[in-house]
Amino acid sequence: MPEPTSPRAVFERLNRGIAEGRWNDLADLYAEDAVVRQPFAPPASGAPQILEGRETIRARFAGAARMGLRFGVRNVIVHETTDPEVIVAEFDYDIPAGDDVLTAANVQVLRVRDGLIIETRDYHDHLTIARATGGLSALLAALDGETA
């Protein structure tokens, strides 16, 4: 039986893959010419504000795989819209950080066509993610250098 292809079902597969650390499989959920926009990604963070194309997205996920990132996903709320291709999802990532677990809030707007993600707008808490992954000091130093 084929997998459901609704925007909600595709989002659920994406989050399940993230939670299970299946980074190398996630790009297959995206269309060949998909676009991921991350408007709140600080330029100094290394996270691009725009990713274009499945292979670019695959490379980004491969970086997460190399880092061994593990994100728990919880508090998921999916809002249907009047556009049948679009959902808005709110959720939290729980990210192990030494002896702590940090929580990063997220909002994602997904457009899914023919069972593939064609566009997203990702509003992630990049500062908490940087703190959890050990990159906060470098990010703050880079940001301080940008404003100096």
C-alpha atoms as a PDB file:
ATOM      1  CA  MET A   1       0.000   0.000   0.000  1.00  0.00           C
ATOM      2  CA  PRO A   2       1.533   3.354  -0.998  1.00  0.00           C
ATOM      3  CA  GLU A   3       2.308   6.004   1.624  1.00  0.00           C
ATOM      4  CA  PRO A   4      -0.282   8.806   1.995  1.00  0.00           C
ATOM      5  CA  THR A   5       0.779  11.937   0.095  1.00  0.00           C
ATOM      6  CA  SER A   6      -1.165  14.684   1.861  1.00  0.00           C
ATOM      7  CA  PRO A   7       0.862  17.612   3.207  1.00  0.00           C
ATOM      8  CA  ARG A   8       0.181  16.416   6.762  1.00  0.00           C
ATOM      9  CA  ALA A   9       1.339  12.866   5.984  1.00  0.00           C
ATOM     10  CA  VAL A  10       4.520  14.105   4.289  1.00  0.00           C
ATOM     11  CA  PHE A  11       5.251  16.424   7.232  1.00  0.00           C
ATOM     12  CA  GLU A  12       4.738  13.511   9.643  1.00  0.00           C
ATOM     13  CA  ARG A  13       7.226  11.383   7.647  1.00  0.00           C
ATOM     14  CA  LEU A  14       9.704  14.273   7.676  1.00  0.00           C
ATOM     15  CA  ASN A  15       9.467  14.712  11.444  1.00  0.00           C
ATOM     16  CA  ARG A  16       9.588  10.963  12.066  1.00  0.00           C
ATOM     17  CA  GLY A  17      12.764  10.747   9.963  1.00  0.00           C
ATOM     18  CA  ILE A  18      14.316  13.647  11.901  1.00  0.00           C
ATOM     19  CA  ALA A  19      13.395  12.085  15.252  1.00  0.00           C
ATOM     20  CA  GLU A  20      14.831   8.729  14.152  1.00  0.00           C
ATOM     21  CA  GLY A  21      18.016  10.329  12.797  1.00  0.00           C
ATOM     22  CA  ARG A  22      17.380   9.064   9.254  1.00  0.00           C
ATOM     23  CA  TRP A  23      19.022  12.181   7.783  1.00  0.00           C
ATOM     24  CA  ASN A  24      20.142  10.425   4.602  1.00  0.00           C
ATOM     25  CA  ASP A  25      16.555   9.534   3.661  1.00  0.00           C
ATOM     26  CA  LEU A  26      14.922  12.920   4.200  1.00  0.00           C
ATOM     27  CA  ALA A  27      15.827  14.624   0.917  1.00  0.00           C
ATOM     28  CA  ASP A  28      13.739  12.014  -0.890  1.00  0.00           C
ATOM     29  CA  LEU A  29      10.656  13.742   0.550  1.00  0.00           C
ATOM     30  CA  TYR A  30      11.499  16.862  -1.496  1.00  0.00           C
ATOM     31  CA  ALA A  31      10.837  17.605  -5.170  1.00  0.00           C
ATOM     32  CA  GLU A  32      13.872  17.895  -7.433  1.00  0.00           C
ATOM     33  CA  ASP A  33      13.468  21.689  -7.608  1.00  0.00           C
ATOM     34  CA  ALA A  34      12.273  22.228  -4.026  1.00  0.00           C
ATOM     35  CA  VAL A  35      13.091  25.452  -2.211  1.00  0.00           C
ATOM     36  CA  VAL A  36      13.656  25.727   1.545  1.00  0.00           C
ATOM     37  CA  ARG A  37      13.612  29.233   2.974  1.00  0.00           C
ATOM     38  CA  GLN A  38      14.969  29.917   6.472  1.00  0.00           C
ATOM     39  CA  PRO A  39      14.336  33.646   6.909  1.00  0.00           C
ATOM     40  CA  PHE A  40      15.488  33.701  10.549  1.00  0.00           C
ATOM     41  CA  ALA A  41      18.774  31.844   9.991  1.00  0.00           C
ATOM     42  CA  PRO A  42      21.516  34.230  11.122  1.00  0.00           C
ATOM     43  CA  PRO A  43      23.930  34.683   8.196  1.00  0.00           C
ATOM     44  CA  ALA A  44      26.862  33.967  10.530  1.00  0.00           C
ATOM     45  CA  SER A  45      25.332  30.629  11.593  1.00  0.00           C
ATOM     46  CA  GLY A  46      26.342  28.788   8.464  1.00  0.00           C
ATOM     47  CA  ALA A  47      22.696  27.868   7.911  1.00  0.00           C
ATOM     48  CA  PRO A  48      21.769  29.244   4.505  1.00  0.00           C
ATOM     49  CA  GLN A  49      18.657  31.356   4.290  1.00  0.00           C
ATOM     50  CA  ILE A  50      17.682  29.659   1.018  1.00  0.00           C
ATOM     51  CA  LEU A  51      18.348  26.096  -0.137  1.00  0.00           C
ATOM     52  CA  GLU A  52      17.458  25.340  -3.746  1.00  0.00           C
ATOM     53  CA  GLY A  53      17.105  21.857  -5.183  1.00  0.00           C
ATOM     54  CA  ARG A  54      16.861  18.368  -3.696  1.00  0.00           C
ATOM     55  CA  GLU A  55      20.598  17.719  -3.921  1.00  0.00           C
ATOM     56  CA  THR A  56      21.430  20.908  -2.018  1.00  0.00           C
ATOM     57  CA  ILE A  57      18.877  19.881   0.606  1.00  0.00           C
ATOM     58  CA  ARG A  58      20.407  16.377   0.664  1.00  0.00           C
ATOM     59  CA  ALA A  59      23.839  17.896   1.332  1.00  0.00           C
ATOM     60  CA  ARG A  60      22.434  19.916   4.233  1.00  0.00           C
ATOM     61  CA  PHE A  61      20.863  16.799   5.773  1.00  0.00           C
ATOM     62  CA  ALA A  62      24.155  14.932   5.253  1.00  0.00           C
ATOM     63  CA  GLY A  63      25.837  17.583   7.383  1.00  0.00           C
ATOM     64  CA  ALA A  64      23.349  16.892  10.178  1.00  0.00           C
ATOM     65  CA  ALA A  65      24.086  13.169   9.819  1.00  0.00           C
ATOM     66  CA  ARG A  66      27.847  13.793  10.119  1.00  0.00           C
ATOM     67  CA  MET A  67      27.240  15.812  13.287  1.00  0.00           C
ATOM     68  CA  GLY A  68      25.223  12.950  14.761  1.00  0.00           C
ATOM     69  CA  LEU A  69      22.320  15.257  15.557  1.00  0.00           C
ATOM     70  CA  ARG A  70      19.351  13.784  17.392  1.00  0.00           C
ATOM     71  CA  PHE A  71      16.169  15.831  17.723  1.00  0.00           C
ATOM     72  CA  GLY A  72      13.149  14.704  19.679  1.00  0.00           C
ATOM     73  CA  VAL A  73       9.959  16.089  18.173  1.00  0.00           C
ATOM     74  CA  ARG A  74       6.983  16.951  20.384  1.00  0.00           C
ATOM     75  CA  ASN A  75       4.088  19.351  20.868  1.00  0.00           C
ATOM     76  CA  VAL A  76       3.182  19.070  17.189  1.00  0.00           C
ATOM     77  CA  ILE A  77       0.198  21.090  16.020  1.00  0.00           C
ATOM     78  CA  VAL A  78      -0.679  21.036  12.315  1.00  0.00           C
ATOM     79  CA  HIS A  79      -2.945  23.723  10.893  1.00  0.00           C
ATOM     80  CA  GLU A  80      -4.739  22.999   7.648  1.00  0.00           C
ATOM     81  CA  THR A  81      -5.173  25.962   5.296  1.00  0.00           C
ATOM     82  CA  THR A  82      -7.616  26.827   2.550  1.00  0.00           C
ATOM     83  CA  ASP A  83      -4.889  25.851   0.062  1.00  0.00           C
ATOM     84  CA  PRO A  84      -4.923  22.022  -0.128  1.00  0.00           C
ATOM     85  CA  GLU A  85      -1.154  21.978  -0.795  1.00  0.00           C
ATOM     86  CA  VAL A  86      -0.218  24.005   2.308  1.00  0.00           C
ATOM     87  CA  ILE A  87      -0.038  23.298   6.032  1.00  0.00           C
ATOM     88  CA  VAL A  88       1.443  25.269   8.895  1.00  0.00           C
ATOM     89  CA  ALA A  89       3.084  23.179  11.605  1.00  0.00           C
ATOM     90  CA  GLU A  90       4.168  24.229  15.077  1.00  0.00           C
ATOM     91  CA  PHE A  91       6.455  21.903  17.027  1.00  0.00           C
ATOM     92  CA  ASP A  92       9.352  21.684  19.443  1.00  0.00           C
ATOM     93  CA  TYR A  93      12.697  19.983  19.013  1.00  0.00           C
ATOM     94  CA  ASP A  94      14.242  18.511  22.144  1.00  0.00           C
ATOM     95  CA  ILE A  95      18.000  18.437  21.565  1.00  0.00           C
ATOM     96  CA  PRO A  96      20.454  16.652  23.872  1.00  0.00           C
ATOM     97  CA  ALA A  97      23.185  19.066  25.007  1.00  0.00           C
ATOM     98  CA  GLY A  98      25.579  17.415  27.446  1.00  0.00           C
ATOM     99  CA  ASP A  99      23.608  16.634  30.585  1.00  0.00           C
ATOM    100  CA  ASP A 100      20.741  18.876  29.491  1.00  0.00           C
ATOM    101  CA  VAL A 101      18.016  18.718  26.906  1.00  0.00           C
ATOM    102  CA  LEU A 102      17.286  22.051  25.242  1.00  0.00           C
ATOM    103  CA  THR A 103      13.992  22.851  23.561  1.00  0.00           C
ATOM    104  CA  ALA A 104      13.888  24.791  20.296  1.00  0.00           C
ATOM    105  CA  ALA A 105      10.545  26.116  19.058  1.00  0.00           C
ATOM    106  CA  ASN A 106       9.725  25.819  15.352  1.00  0.00           C
ATOM    107  CA  VAL A 107       7.099  26.869  12.852  1.00  0.00           C
ATOM    108  CA  GLN A 108       7.169  25.429   9.367  1.00  0.00           C
ATOM    109  CA  VAL A 109       5.006  26.286   6.379  1.00  0.00           C
ATOM    110  CA  LEU A 110       5.043  23.423   3.877  1.00  0.00           C
ATOM    111  CA  ARG A 111       3.752  23.238   0.329  1.00  0.00           C
ATOM    112  CA  VAL A 112       3.387  19.652  -0.884  1.00  0.00           C
ATOM    113  CA  ARG A 113       2.455  18.659  -4.422  1.00  0.00           C
ATOM    114  CA  ASP A 114       2.113  15.091  -5.689  1.00  0.00           C
ATOM    115  CA  GLY A 115       3.443  13.777  -2.370  1.00  0.00           C
ATOM    116  CA  LEU A 116       6.677  15.802  -2.447  1.00  0.00           C
ATOM    117  CA  ILE A 117       7.657  18.954  -0.596  1.00  0.00           C
ATOM    118  CA  ILE A 118       8.077  21.725  -3.174  1.00  0.00           C
ATOM    119  CA  GLU A 119       8.612  24.611  -0.781  1.00  0.00           C
ATOM    120  CA  THR A 120       9.012  25.305   2.910  1.00  0.00           C
ATOM    121  CA  ARG A 121       9.465  28.328   5.090  1.00  0.00           C
ATOM    122  CA  ASP A 122      11.246  27.210   8.237  1.00  0.00           C
ATOM    123  CA  TYR A 123      11.205  29.398  11.322  1.00  0.00           C
ATOM    124  CA  HIS A 124      13.554  27.590  13.716  1.00  0.00           C
ATOM    125  CA  ASP A 125      15.071  28.776  16.979  1.00  0.00           C
ATOM    126  CA  HIS A 126      18.598  28.865  15.536  1.00  0.00           C
ATOM    127  CA  LEU A 127      20.165  30.226  18.726  1.00  0.00           C
ATOM    128  CA  THR A 128      18.952  27.292  20.834  1.00  0.00           C
ATOM    129  CA  ILE A 129      19.992  24.844  18.124  1.00  0.00           C
ATOM    130  CA  ALA A 130      23.469  26.452  18.019  1.00  0.00           C
ATOM    131  CA  ARG A 131      23.697  26.250  21.808  1.00  0.00           C
ATOM    132  CA  ALA A 132      22.693  22.576  21.794  1.00  0.00           C
ATOM    133  CA  THR A 133      25.169  21.666  19.072  1.00  0.00           C
ATOM    134  CA  GLY A 134      28.088  23.536  20.609  1.00  0.00           C
ATOM    135  CA  GLY A 135      28.113  26.313  18.043  1.00  0.00           C
ATOM    136  CA  LEU A 136      26.730  29.216  20.053  1.00  0.00           C
ATOM    137  CA  SER A 137      30.082  30.817  20.972  1.00  0.00           C
ATOM    138  CA  ALA A 138      31.262  30.772  17.361  1.00  0.00           C
ATOM    139  CA  LEU A 139      27.905  32.136  16.183  1.00  0.00           C
ATOM    140  CA  LEU A 140      27.961  34.984  18.701  1.00  0.00           C
ATOM    141  CA  ALA A 141      31.569  35.834  17.825  1.00  0.00           C
ATOM    142  CA  ALA A 142      30.705  35.860  14.125  1.00  0.00           C
ATOM    143  CA  LEU A 143      27.651  38.021  14.758  1.00  0.00           C
ATOM    144  CA  ASP A 144      29.713  40.415  16.885  1.00  0.00           C
ATOM    145  CA  GLY A 145      32.248  40.666  14.047  1.00  0.00           C
ATOM    146  CA  GLU A 146      29.458  41.446  11.566  1.00  0.00           C
ATOM    147  CA  THR A 147      28.227  44.366  13.630  1.00  0.00           C
ATOM    148  CA  ALA A 148      31.639  45.778  14.537  1.00  0.00           C
END
